[in-house]
Amino acid sequence: MTARFKDLALDATDHQALADWWCRAMGYVRRDSLTGDERPAGWPVPIVDPAGDGPLIWLNPVPEPKAGKNRMHLDVFGDKTELLDLGATLVRARDDDIEWDVLADPEGNEFCVFTPK
């Protein structure tokens, strides 16, 4: 084995706000709220599934906005309308060619939304 999966990471110009957005969207919490740790505001923010089922996601501060299409993205089960109401934008609606919706978070990071099973 050359590598094995560890965490996911998303870049953001406002990583604090995007961490809060993904927590609302996914039902995640800031890991530090569970551990009692405190991180400087400029450090990456780790968010986790409080049930321990989902992967840890890091929101990393970067100075530049997203400039192109994601080469890697998240796939989630969820409700497109609820995510749009939270502030996501529709990139591409499901149609005869794809069975999912492509949305973008408030900073433009694209993700695919599948109907919950």
Protein backbone atom coordinates (compact mmCIF):
# COMPACT_ATOMS: atom_id res chain seq x y z
CA MET A 1 0.00 0.00 0.00
CA THR A 2 1.46 3.34 -1.07
CA ALA A 3 -1.20 5.56 0.53
CA ARG A 4 -4.42 5.31 2.50
CA PHE A 5 -7.22 7.78 3.01
CA LYS A 6 -6.91 10.17 5.98
CA ASP A 7 -9.09 13.32 5.69
CA LEU A 8 -10.75 15.66 3.22
CA ALA A 9 -9.62 19.26 2.80
CA LEU A 10 -11.40 22.28 1.32
CA ASP A 11 -9.73 25.62 0.64
CA ALA A 12 -11.57 28.84 1.47
CA THR A 13 -10.88 32.54 1.63
CA ASP A 14 -13.20 32.70 4.67
CA HIS A 15 -12.53 29.27 6.16
CA GLN A 16 -14.32 30.12 9.43
CA ALA A 17 -17.60 30.96 7.67
CA LEU A 18 -17.30 28.00 5.29
CA ALA A 19 -16.68 25.65 8.23
CA ASP A 20 -19.92 26.89 9.77
CA TRP A 21 -21.75 26.45 6.45
CA TRP A 22 -20.58 22.85 6.01
CA CYS A 23 -21.47 22.11 9.65
CA ARG A 24 -25.04 23.30 8.98
CA ALA A 25 -25.23 21.46 5.65
CA MET A 26 -23.84 18.14 6.90
CA GLY A 27 -24.83 18.13 10.57
CA TYR A 28 -21.15 18.30 11.46
CA VAL A 29 -19.57 20.16 14.38
CA ARG A 30 -16.23 21.80 14.86
CA ARG A 31 -13.94 19.10 16.25
CA ASP A 32 -12.64 21.53 18.85
CA SER A 33 -16.14 21.79 20.34
CA LEU A 34 -15.85 18.08 21.20
CA THR A 35 -12.25 18.13 22.42
CA GLY A 36 -12.23 21.49 24.21
CA ASP A 37 -9.26 22.64 22.14
CA GLU A 38 -8.90 26.22 20.94
CA ARG A 39 -7.22 27.10 17.65
CA PRO A 40 -6.05 30.50 16.46
CA ALA A 41 -8.55 32.03 14.02
CA GLY A 42 -6.08 31.83 11.12
CA TRP A 43 -5.47 28.09 11.49
CA PRO A 44 -7.36 25.44 9.51
CA VAL A 45 -10.69 24.38 11.03
CA PRO A 46 -11.42 20.64 11.44
CA ILE A 47 -15.10 19.64 11.32
CA VAL A 48 -16.43 16.18 12.14
CA ASP A 49 -19.54 14.06 12.12
CA PRO A 50 -20.54 14.01 15.83
CA ALA A 51 -21.70 10.40 15.41
CA GLY A 52 -18.22 9.48 14.19
CA ASP A 53 -19.47 8.09 10.88
CA GLY A 54 -18.28 10.62 8.31
CA PRO A 55 -14.76 11.71 7.43
CA LEU A 56 -12.96 14.59 9.09
CA ILE A 57 -13.00 17.67 6.85
CA TRP A 58 -10.43 20.46 7.12
CA LEU A 59 -11.33 23.98 6.02
CA ASN A 60 -8.03 25.60 5.06
CA PRO A 61 -7.46 29.33 4.73
CA VAL A 62 -6.14 30.48 1.36
CA PRO A 63 -5.74 34.02 0.01
CA GLU A 64 -7.16 33.43 -3.46
CA PRO A 65 -10.74 32.60 -4.50
CA LYS A 66 -11.56 29.43 -6.40
CA ALA A 67 -10.57 29.96 -10.03
CA GLY A 68 -11.57 26.83 -11.96
CA LYS A 69 -13.47 23.57 -11.91
CA ASN A 70 -12.79 21.21 -9.02
CA ARG A 71 -10.61 18.26 -9.98
CA MET A 72 -11.87 16.41 -6.88
CA HIS A 73 -15.17 16.99 -5.10
CA LEU A 74 -17.54 15.71 -2.45
CA ASP A 75 -20.55 13.50 -3.16
CA VAL A 76 -23.31 13.78 -0.56
CA PHE A 77 -26.79 12.41 0.01
CA GLY A 78 -29.13 15.31 0.65
CA ASP A 79 -31.94 17.59 -0.35
CA LYS A 80 -31.04 20.03 -3.12
CA THR A 81 -33.66 22.58 -2.05
CA GLU A 82 -32.49 22.62 1.57
CA LEU A 83 -28.88 23.07 0.48
CA LEU A 84 -29.88 25.90 -1.86
CA ASP A 85 -31.78 27.51 1.02
CA LEU A 86 -28.57 27.34 3.10
CA GLY A 87 -26.70 29.29 0.43
CA ALA A 88 -25.45 26.73 -2.09
CA THR A 89 -25.81 27.54 -5.78
CA LEU A 90 -26.99 25.23 -8.53
CA VAL A 91 -24.26 24.45 -11.06
CA ARG A 92 -26.13 21.73 -12.98
CA ALA A 93 -29.48 20.11 -12.33
CA ARG A 94 -30.02 16.38 -12.70
CA ASP A 95 -31.34 15.48 -16.11
CA ASP A 96 -31.45 12.56 -18.54
CA ASP A 97 -27.62 12.40 -18.51
CA ILE A 98 -26.91 12.56 -14.76
CA GLU A 99 -28.84 11.24 -11.73
CA TRP A 100 -27.56 13.92 -9.31
CA ASP A 101 -27.44 17.68 -8.92
CA VAL A 102 -24.18 19.59 -8.99
CA LEU A 103 -24.11 22.42 -6.45
CA ALA A 104 -21.44 24.78 -5.18
CA ASP A 105 -20.88 25.89 -1.60
CA PRO A 106 -20.74 29.64 -0.84
CA GLU A 107 -17.09 29.78 -1.98
CA GLY A 108 -17.71 27.91 -5.22
CA ASN A 109 -16.44 24.44 -4.21
CA GLU A 110 -18.55 22.05 -6.27
CA PHE A 111 -20.23 18.97 -4.84
CA CYS A 112 -22.74 16.42 -6.12
CA VAL A 113 -26.04 15.82 -4.32
CA PHE A 114 -27.70 12.44 -4.57
CA THR A 115 -31.20 11.51 -3.39
CA PRO A 116 -31.01 9.92 0.07
CA LYS A 117 -31.44 6.17 0.04
